[in-house]
């Protein structure tokens, strides 16, 4: 999924290349709604997430690992 290049009410409309569907966040709803294409009028729920700093996350979940693809 990527930005379609279109915006509506100052929000990006997302494009799903696989299904050729357009997805948009409708006001008052969580997640995305398909506004055109194969999944028109279907809803994609929002996943629960946490916004935190890495040091707080690591302190709470010390067994967490991550992929570092930087070359040294």
Protein backbone atom coordinates (compact mmCIF):
# COMPACT_ATOMS: atom_id res chain seq x y z
CA UNK A 1 0.00 0.00 0.00
CA UNK A 2 1.26 3.48 -0.82
CA UNK A 3 0.07 7.05 -1.19
CA UNK A 4 -2.07 7.30 -4.31
CA UNK A 5 -0.95 10.84 -5.03
CA UNK A 6 -4.42 12.15 -4.13
CA UNK A 7 -5.58 13.84 -0.97
CA UNK A 8 -9.07 14.44 0.36
CA UNK A 9 -9.70 16.93 3.16
CA UNK A 10 -5.92 17.22 3.68
CA UNK A 11 -5.48 13.46 4.19
CA UNK A 12 -3.68 11.05 1.87
CA UNK A 13 -5.75 8.49 -0.01
CA UNK A 14 -3.87 5.18 0.02
CA UNK A 15 -3.66 2.82 -2.96
CA UNK A 16 -3.42 -0.97 -2.72
CA UNK A 17 -1.55 -2.12 -5.83
CA UNK A 18 -2.58 -5.77 -5.42
CA UNK A 19 -6.35 -5.14 -5.40
CA UNK A 20 -6.32 -1.73 -7.14
CA UNK A 21 -8.36 -0.34 -4.23
CA UNK A 22 -8.36 3.16 -2.71
CA UNK A 23 -8.41 3.47 1.09
CA UNK A 24 -9.25 6.50 3.21
CA UNK A 25 -9.68 7.31 6.89
CA UNK A 26 -13.29 8.44 7.31
CA UNK A 27 -13.90 10.97 10.06
CA UNK A 28 -15.30 9.44 13.25
CA UNK A 29 -14.05 5.93 12.42
CA UNK A 30 -10.97 3.97 13.39
CA UNK A 31 -9.05 2.31 10.62
CA UNK A 32 -9.56 2.71 6.89
CA UNK A 33 -12.54 2.37 4.55
CA UNK A 34 -12.22 1.31 0.93
CA UNK A 35 -13.67 4.10 -1.22
CA UNK A 36 -13.03 2.53 -4.61
CA UNK A 37 -11.92 -0.72 -6.15
CA UNK A 38 -12.26 -4.40 -5.32
CA UNK A 39 -13.02 -3.91 -1.60
CA UNK A 40 -15.33 -0.87 -1.94
CA UNK A 41 -17.28 -0.15 1.28
CA UNK A 42 -15.23 -2.67 3.32
CA UNK A 43 -13.52 -1.58 6.53
CA UNK A 44 -9.93 -2.27 7.57
CA UNK A 45 -9.69 -1.99 11.39
CA UNK A 46 -6.87 -0.18 13.12
CA UNK A 47 -4.37 -2.26 15.07
CA UNK A 48 -3.67 -1.28 18.65
CA UNK A 49 -0.29 0.37 18.98
CA UNK A 50 1.91 2.08 21.53
CA UNK A 51 3.91 5.26 21.05
CA UNK A 52 6.98 5.22 23.26
CA UNK A 53 10.71 5.80 23.30
CA UNK A 54 13.09 2.90 22.71
CA UNK A 55 14.67 3.11 26.18
CA UNK A 56 11.23 2.90 27.87
CA UNK A 57 10.18 -0.01 25.63
CA UNK A 58 13.43 -1.88 26.31
CA UNK A 59 13.07 -1.34 30.07
CA UNK A 60 9.53 -2.78 29.99
CA UNK A 61 10.34 -5.58 27.53
CA UNK A 62 14.03 -6.49 27.96
CA UNK A 63 13.88 -9.53 25.64
CA UNK A 64 12.91 -7.38 22.66
CA UNK A 65 15.26 -7.57 19.66
CA UNK A 66 15.33 -5.70 16.38
CA UNK A 67 16.81 -6.05 12.92
CA UNK A 68 19.69 -3.68 12.24
CA UNK A 69 20.44 -3.57 8.53
CA UNK A 70 23.04 -0.80 8.73
CA UNK A 71 26.41 -1.71 7.32
CA UNK A 72 29.40 -1.28 9.61
